PDB file of N, CA and C in Angstrom:
ATOM      1  N   UNK A   1      34.112  91.516  52.923  1.00  0.00           N
ATOM      2  CA  UNK A   1      35.202  91.653  53.850  1.00  0.00           C
ATOM      3  C   UNK A   1      35.111  92.975  54.623  1.00  0.00           C
ATOM      4  N   UNK A   2      34.806  94.062  53.916  1.00  0.00           N
ATOM      5  CA  UNK A   2      34.706  95.372  54.556  1.00  0.00           C
ATOM      6  C   UNK A   2      33.545  95.411  55.551  1.00  0.00           C
ATOM      7  N   UNK A   3      32.441  94.775  55.199  1.00  0.00           N
ATOM      8  CA  UNK A   3      31.285  94.734  56.099  1.00  0.00           C
ATOM      9  C   UNK A   3      31.640  93.974  57.373  1.00  0.00           C
ATOM     10  N   UNK A   4      32.403  92.901  57.248  1.00  0.00           N
ATOM     11  CA  UNK A   4      32.834  92.137  58.416  1.00  0.00           C
ATOM     12  C   UNK A   4      33.720  92.954  59.335  1.00  0.00           C
ATOM     13  N   UNK A   5      34.626  93.755  58.757  1.00  0.00           N
ATOM     14  CA  UNK A   5      35.499  94.616  59.558  1.00  0.00           C
ATOM     15  C   UNK A   5      34.676  95.663  60.296  1.00  0.00           C
ATOM     16  N   UNK A   6      33.690  96.250  59.622  1.00  0.00           N
ATOM     17  CA  UNK A   6      32.828  97.256  60.251  1.00  0.00           C
ATOM     18  C   UNK A   6      32.043  96.628  61.402  1.00  0.00           C
ATOM     19  N   UNK A   7      31.479  95.465  61.197  1.00  0.00           N
ATOM     20  CA  UNK A   7      30.722  94.777  62.247  1.00  0.00           C
ATOM     21  C   UNK A   7      31.637  94.455  63.428  1.00  0.00           C
ATOM     22  N   UNK A   8      32.853  94.002  63.161  1.00  0.00           N
ATOM     23  CA  UNK A   8      33.808  93.687  64.223  1.00  0.00           C
ATOM     24  C   UNK A   8      34.168  94.931  65.017  1.00  0.00           C
ATOM     25  N   UNK A   9      34.434  96.040  64.347  1.00  0.00           N
ATOM     26  CA  UNK A   9      34.789  97.284  65.038  1.00  0.00           C
ATOM     27  C   UNK A   9      33.628  97.798  65.886  1.00  0.00           C
ATOM     28  N   UNK A  10      32.424  97.752  65.360  1.00  0.00           N
ATOM     29  CA  UNK A  10      31.259  98.200  66.119  1.00  0.00           C
ATOM     30  C   UNK A  10      31.041  97.294  67.327  1.00  0.00           C
ATOM     31  N   UNK A  11      31.224  96.004  67.148  1.00  0.00           N
ATOM     32  CA  UNK A  11      31.073  95.066  68.255  1.00  0.00           C
ATOM     33  C   UNK A  11      32.108  95.300  69.341  1.00  0.00           C
ATOM     34  N   UNK A  12      33.367  95.499  68.955  1.00  0.00           N
ATOM     35  CA  UNK A  12      34.414  95.784  69.938  1.00  0.00           C
ATOM     36  C   UNK A  12      34.163  97.109  70.656  1.00  0.00           C
ATOM     37  N   UNK A  13      33.697  98.105  69.925  1.00  0.00           N
ATOM     38  CA  UNK A  13      33.374  99.399  70.544  1.00  0.00           C
ATOM     39  C   UNK A  13      32.275  99.224  71.586  1.00  0.00           C
ATOM     40  N   UNK A  14      31.256  98.450  71.269  1.00  0.00           N
ATOM     41  CA  UNK A  14      30.162  98.212  72.201  1.00  0.00           C
ATOM     42  C   UNK A  14      30.622  97.482  73.453  1.00  0.00           C
ATOM     43  N   UNK A  15      31.496  96.499  73.274  1.00  0.00           N
ATOM     44  CA  UNK A  15      32.018  95.759  74.422  1.00  0.00           C
ATOM     45  C   UNK A  15      32.865  96.668  75.305  1.00  0.00           C
ATOM     46  N   UNK A  16      33.675  97.540  74.706  1.00  0.00           N
ATOM     47  CA  UNK A  16      34.483  98.485  75.490  1.00  0.00           C
ATOM     48  C   UNK A  16      33.592  99.451  76.277  1.00  0.00           C
ATOM     49  N   UNK A  17      32.505  99.882  75.678  1.00  0.00           N
ATOM     50  CA  UNK A  17      31.596 100.802  76.376  1.00  0.00           C
ATOM     51  C   UNK A  17      30.943 100.112  77.568  1.00  0.00           C
ATOM     52  N   UNK A  18      30.589  98.849  77.428  1.00  0.00           N
ATOM     53  CA  UNK A  18      29.976  98.104  78.525  1.00  0.00           C
ATOM     54  C   UNK A  18      30.986  97.792  79.625  1.00  0.00           C
ATOM     55  N   UNK A  19      32.246  97.619  79.270  1.00  0.00           N
ATOM     56  CA  UNK A  19      33.279  97.277  80.244  1.00  0.00           C
ATOM     57  C   UNK A  19      33.816  98.501  80.986  1.00  0.00           C
ATOM     58  N   UNK A  20      33.551  99.704  80.495  1.00  0.00           N
ATOM     59  CA  UNK A  20      34.064 100.924  81.135  1.00  0.00           C
ATOM     60  C   UNK A  20      33.392 101.112  82.492  1.00  0.00           C
ATOM     61  N   UNK A  21      34.141 101.541  83.501  1.00  0.00           N
ATOM     62  CA  UNK A  21      33.540 101.746  84.823  1.00  0.00           C
ATOM     63  C   UNK A  21      32.547 102.910  84.798  1.00  0.00           C
ATOM     64  N   UNK A  22      31.475 102.754  85.539  1.00  0.00           N
ATOM     65  CA  UNK A  22      30.448 103.781  85.609  1.00  0.00           C
ATOM     66  C   UNK A  22      30.849 104.861  86.609  1.00  0.00           C
ATOM     67  N   UNK A  23      30.394 106.067  86.381  1.00  0.00           N
ATOM     68  CA  UNK A  23      30.665 107.166  87.307  1.00  0.00           C
ATOM     69  C   UNK A  23      29.947 106.899  88.623  1.00  0.00           C
ATOM     70  N   UNK A  24      30.630 107.195  89.704  1.00  0.00           N
ATOM     71  CA  UNK A  24      30.006 106.970  91.007  1.00  0.00           C
ATOM     72  C   UNK A  24      29.009 108.091  91.296  1.00  0.00           C
ATOM     73  N   UNK A  25      28.028 107.794  92.101  1.00  0.00           N
ATOM     74  CA  UNK A  25      27.006 108.774  92.459  1.00  0.00           C
ATOM     75  C   UNK A  25      27.529 109.753  93.494  1.00  0.00           C
ATOM     76  N   UNK A  26      26.708 110.705  93.868  1.00  0.00           N
ATOM     77  CA  UNK A  26      27.136 111.689  94.867  1.00  0.00           C
ATOM     78  C   UNK A  26      27.314 111.041  96.235  1.00  0.00           C
ATOM     79  N   UNK A  27      28.162 111.647  97.035  1.00  0.00           N
ATOM     80  CA  UNK A  27      28.409 111.159  98.392  1.00  0.00           C
ATOM     81  C   UNK A  27      27.163 111.449  99.235  1.00  0.00           C
ATOM     82  N   UNK A  28      26.556 110.448  99.867  1.00  0.00           N
ATOM     83  CA  UNK A  28      25.336 110.670 100.651  1.00  0.00           C
ATOM     84  C   UNK A  28      25.518 111.663 101.799  1.00  0.00           C
ATOM     85  N   UNK A  29      26.750 111.809 102.287  1.00  0.00           N
ATOM     86  CA  UNK A  29      26.988 112.764 103.370  1.00  0.00           C
ATOM     87  C   UNK A  29      26.941 114.215 102.892  1.00  0.00           C
ATOM     88  N   UNK A  30      27.130 114.436 101.594  1.00  0.00           N
ATOM     89  CA  UNK A  30      27.139 115.797 101.051  1.00  0.00           C
ATOM     90  C   UNK A  30      25.757 116.260 100.594  1.00  0.00           C
ATOM     91  N   UNK A  31      24.775 115.382 100.570  1.00  0.00           N
ATOM     92  CA  UNK A  31      23.436 115.748 100.119  1.00  0.00           C
ATOM     93  C   UNK A  31      22.682 116.420 101.262  1.00  0.00           C
ATOM     94  N   UNK A  32      22.113 117.581 100.974  1.00  0.00           N
ATOM     95  CA  UNK A  32      21.365 118.329 101.981  1.00  0.00           C
ATOM     96  C   UNK A  32      19.915 118.470 101.534  1.00  0.00           C
ATOM     97  N   UNK A  33      19.031 118.573 102.502  1.00  0.00           N
ATOM     98  CA  UNK A  33      17.625 118.820 102.189  1.00  0.00           C
ATOM     99  C   UNK A  33      17.439 120.304 101.940  1.00  0.00           C
ATOM    100  N   UNK A  34      16.617 120.604 100.968  1.00  0.00           N
ATOM    101  CA  UNK A  34      16.293 121.996 100.651  1.00  0.00           C
ATOM    102  C   UNK A  34      14.930 122.023  99.985  1.00  0.00           C
ATOM    103  N   UNK A  35      14.392 123.182  99.793  1.00  0.00           N
ATOM    104  CA  UNK A  35      13.117 123.328  99.104  1.00  0.00           C
ATOM    105  C   UNK A  35      13.222 124.549  98.205  1.00  0.00           C
ATOM    106  N   UNK A  36      13.324 124.319  96.908  1.00  0.00           N
ATOM    107  CA  UNK A  36      13.414 125.411  95.946  1.00  0.00           C
ATOM    108  C   UNK A  36      12.534 125.073  94.754  1.00  0.00           C
ATOM    109  N   UNK A  37      11.686 126.008  94.377  1.00  0.00           N
ATOM    110  CA  UNK A  37      10.830 125.816  93.207  1.00  0.00           C
ATOM    111  C   UNK A  37      11.407 126.592  92.033  1.00  0.00           C
ATOM    112  N   UNK A  38      11.330 125.990  90.852  1.00  0.00           N
ATOM    113  CA  UNK A  38      11.789 126.623  89.619  1.00  0.00           C
ATOM    114  C   UNK A  38      10.663 126.616  88.611  1.00  0.00           C
ATOM    115  N   UNK A  39      10.707 127.581  87.679  1.00  0.00           N
ATOM    116  CA  UNK A  39       9.706 127.681  86.622  1.00  0.00           C
ATOM    117  C   UNK A  39      10.416 127.968  85.307  1.00  0.00           C
ATOM    118  N   UNK A  40      10.023 127.242  84.261  1.00  0.00           N
ATOM    119  CA  UNK A  40      10.576 127.462  82.931  1.00  0.00           C
ATOM    120  C   UNK A  40       9.911 128.695  82.327  1.00  0.00           C
ATOM    121  N   UNK A  41      10.719 129.648  81.891  1.00  0.00           N
ATOM    122  CA  UNK A  41      10.166 130.889  81.330  1.00  0.00           C
ATOM    123  C   UNK A  41       9.614 130.680  79.920  1.00  0.00           C
ATOM    124  N   UNK A  42       9.962 129.564  79.268  1.00  0.00           N
ATOM    125  CA  UNK A  42       9.510 129.317  77.899  1.00  0.00           C
ATOM    126  C   UNK A  42       8.152 128.617  77.885  1.00  0.00           C
ATOM    127  N   UNK A  43       8.052 127.479  78.623  1.00  0.00           N
ATOM    128  CA  UNK A  43       6.826 126.681  78.544  1.00  0.00           C
ATOM    129  C   UNK A  43       5.996 126.711  79.831  1.00  0.00           C
ATOM    130  N   UNK A  44       6.578 127.208  80.921  1.00  0.00           N
ATOM    131  CA  UNK A  44       5.818 127.319  82.166  1.00  0.00           C
ATOM    132  C   UNK A  44       5.890 126.099  83.068  1.00  0.00           C
ATOM    133  N   UNK A  45       6.678 125.081  82.706  1.00  0.00           N
ATOM    134  CA  UNK A  45       6.799 123.903  83.556  1.00  0.00           C
ATOM    135  C   UNK A  45       7.395 124.281  84.905  1.00  0.00           C
ATOM    136  N   UNK A  46       6.884 123.664  85.969  1.00  0.00           N
ATOM    137  CA  UNK A  46       7.387 123.929  87.317  1.00  0.00           C
ATOM    138  C   UNK A  46       8.099 122.703  87.850  1.00  0.00           C
ATOM    139  N   UNK A  47       9.129 122.925  88.668  1.00  0.00           N
ATOM    140  CA  UNK A  47       9.940 121.862  89.227  1.00  0.00           C
ATOM    141  C   UNK A  47      10.281 122.220  90.663  1.00  0.00           C
ATOM    142  N   UNK A  48      10.186 121.251  91.566  1.00  0.00           N
ATOM    143  CA  UNK A  48      10.558 121.460  92.958  1.00  0.00           C
ATOM    144  C   UNK A  48      11.767 120.600  93.277  1.00  0.00           C
ATOM    145  N   UNK A  49      12.834 121.228  93.768  1.00  0.00           N
ATOM    146  CA  UNK A  49      14.044 120.525  94.175  1.00  0.00           C
ATOM    147  C   UNK A  49      13.978 120.353  95.687  1.00  0.00           C
ATOM    148  N   UNK A  50      14.067 119.102  96.152  1.00  0.00           N
ATOM    149  CA  UNK A  50      13.983 118.833  97.587  1.00  0.00           C
ATOM    150  C   UNK A  50      15.306 118.394  98.188  1.00  0.00           C
ATOM    151  N   UNK A  51      16.250 117.925  97.359  1.00  0.00           N
ATOM    152  CA  UNK A  51      17.563 117.505  97.832  1.00  0.00           C
ATOM    153  C   UNK A  51      18.602 117.977  96.818  1.00  0.00           C
ATOM    154  N   UNK A  52      19.754 118.422  97.321  1.00  0.00           N
ATOM    155  CA  UNK A  52      20.827 118.868  96.428  1.00  0.00           C
ATOM    156  C   UNK A  52      22.166 118.541  97.062  1.00  0.00           C
ATOM    157  N   UNK A  53      23.204 118.603  96.253  1.00  0.00           N
ATOM    158  CA  UNK A  53      24.532 118.301  96.734  1.00  0.00           C
ATOM    159  C   UNK A  53      25.168 119.511  97.409  1.00  0.00           C
ATOM    160  N   UNK A  54      24.577 120.663  97.265  1.00  0.00           N
ATOM    161  CA  UNK A  54      25.112 121.886  97.851  1.00  0.00           C
ATOM    162  C   UNK A  54      23.929 122.739  98.295  1.00  0.00           C
ATOM    163  N   UNK A  55      24.161 123.660  99.226  1.00  0.00           N
ATOM    164  CA  UNK A  55      23.072 124.521  99.707  1.00  0.00           C
ATOM    165  C   UNK A  55      22.571 125.444  98.595  1.00  0.00           C
ATOM    166  N   UNK A  56      23.458 125.828  97.688  1.00  0.00           N
ATOM    167  CA  UNK A  56      23.076 126.670  96.558  1.00  0.00           C
ATOM    168  C   UNK A  56      22.964 125.795  95.315  1.00  0.00           C
ATOM    169  N   UNK A  57      21.777 125.309  95.029  1.00  0.00           N
ATOM    170  CA  UNK A  57      21.578 124.442  93.867  1.00  0.00           C
ATOM    171  C   UNK A  57      21.644 125.272  92.589  1.00  0.00           C
ATOM    172  N   UNK A  58      22.235 124.695  91.556  1.00  0.00           N
ATOM    173  CA  UNK A  58      22.300 125.343  90.246  1.00  0.00           C
ATOM    174  C   UNK A  58      20.946 125.171  89.573  1.00  0.00           C
ATOM    175  N   UNK A  59      20.454 126.231  88.978  1.00  0.00           N
ATOM    176  CA  UNK A  59      19.155 126.173  88.317  1.00  0.00           C
ATOM    177  C   UNK A  59      19.199 125.157  87.178  1.00  0.00           C
ATOM    178  N   UNK A  60      18.234 124.237  87.117  1.00  0.00           N
ATOM    179  CA  UNK A  60      18.203 123.264  86.026  1.00  0.00           C
ATOM    180  C   UNK A  60      17.832 123.936  84.709  1.00  0.00           C
ATOM    181  N   UNK A  61      18.068 123.224  83.623  1.00  0.00           N
ATOM    182  CA  UNK A  61      17.745 123.747  82.297  1.00  0.00           C
ATOM    183  C   UNK A  61      16.517 123.015  81.756  1.00  0.00           C
ATOM    184  N   UNK A  62      15.680 123.760  81.059  1.00  0.00           N
ATOM    185  CA  UNK A  62      14.507 123.202  80.400  1.00  0.00           C
ATOM    186  C   UNK A  62      14.236 124.061  79.181  1.00  0.00           C
ATOM    187  N   UNK A  63      13.868 123.467  78.091  1.00  0.00           N
ATOM    188  CA  UNK A  63      13.666 124.185  76.819  1.00  0.00           C
ATOM    189  C   UNK A  63      14.931 124.958  76.433  1.00  0.00           C
ATOM    190  N   UNK A  64      16.083 124.378  76.774  1.00  0.00           N
ATOM    191  CA  UNK A  64      17.402 124.942  76.468  1.00  0.00           C
ATOM    192  C   UNK A  64      17.663 126.270  77.166  1.00  0.00           C
ATOM    193  N   UNK A  65      16.919 126.599  78.175  1.00  0.00           N
ATOM    194  CA  UNK A  65      17.113 127.824  78.946  1.00  0.00           C
ATOM    195  C   UNK A  65      17.170 127.464  80.423  1.00  0.00           C
ATOM    196  N   UNK A  66      17.902 128.261  81.216  1.00  0.00           N
ATOM    197  CA  UNK A  66      17.915 128.028  82.648  1.00  0.00           C
ATOM    198  C   UNK A  66      16.550 128.399  83.227  1.00  0.00           C
ATOM    199  N   UNK A  67      16.091 127.578  84.175  1.00  0.00           N
ATOM    200  CA  UNK A  67      14.809 127.852  84.810  1.00  0.00           C
ATOM    201  C   UNK A  67      14.989 128.962  85.833  1.00  0.00           C
ATOM    202  N   UNK A  68      13.916 129.706  86.074  1.00  0.00           N
ATOM    203  CA  UNK A  68      13.955 130.821  87.015  1.00  0.00           C
ATOM    204  C   UNK A  68      13.409 130.368  88.365  1.00  0.00           C
ATOM    205  N   UNK A  69      14.063 130.750  89.465  1.00  0.00           N
ATOM    206  CA  UNK A  69      13.503 130.420  90.779  1.00  0.00           C
ATOM    207  C   UNK A  69      12.149 131.126  90.946  1.00  0.00           C
ATOM    208  N   UNK A  70      11.164 130.410  91.463  1.00  0.00           N
ATOM    209  CA  UNK A  70       9.858 131.036  91.698  1.00  0.00           C
ATOM    210  C   UNK A  70       9.630 131.137  93.194  1.00  0.00           C
ATOM    211  N   UNK A  71       8.826 132.082  93.570  1.00  0.00           N
ATOM    212  CA  UNK A  71       8.550 132.322  94.999  1.00  0.00           C
ATOM    213  C   UNK A  71       7.357 131.558  95.483  1.00  0.00           C
TER     214      UNK A  71
END
């Protein structure tokens, strides 16, 4: 009986998660073209941002640290 209740609760939780509305994406009018390169100070991975929602893009995180803008 307890296993059936657990299965029912997990099933209902899953259905509620699927029925929840998804977050809308960014407004296409607010996206601007830009060119900014970032470098991870921990592992050295490089990333180029070509489009952002604002002129001042927030530095992405990698290896749990903020990436540094590279020149």
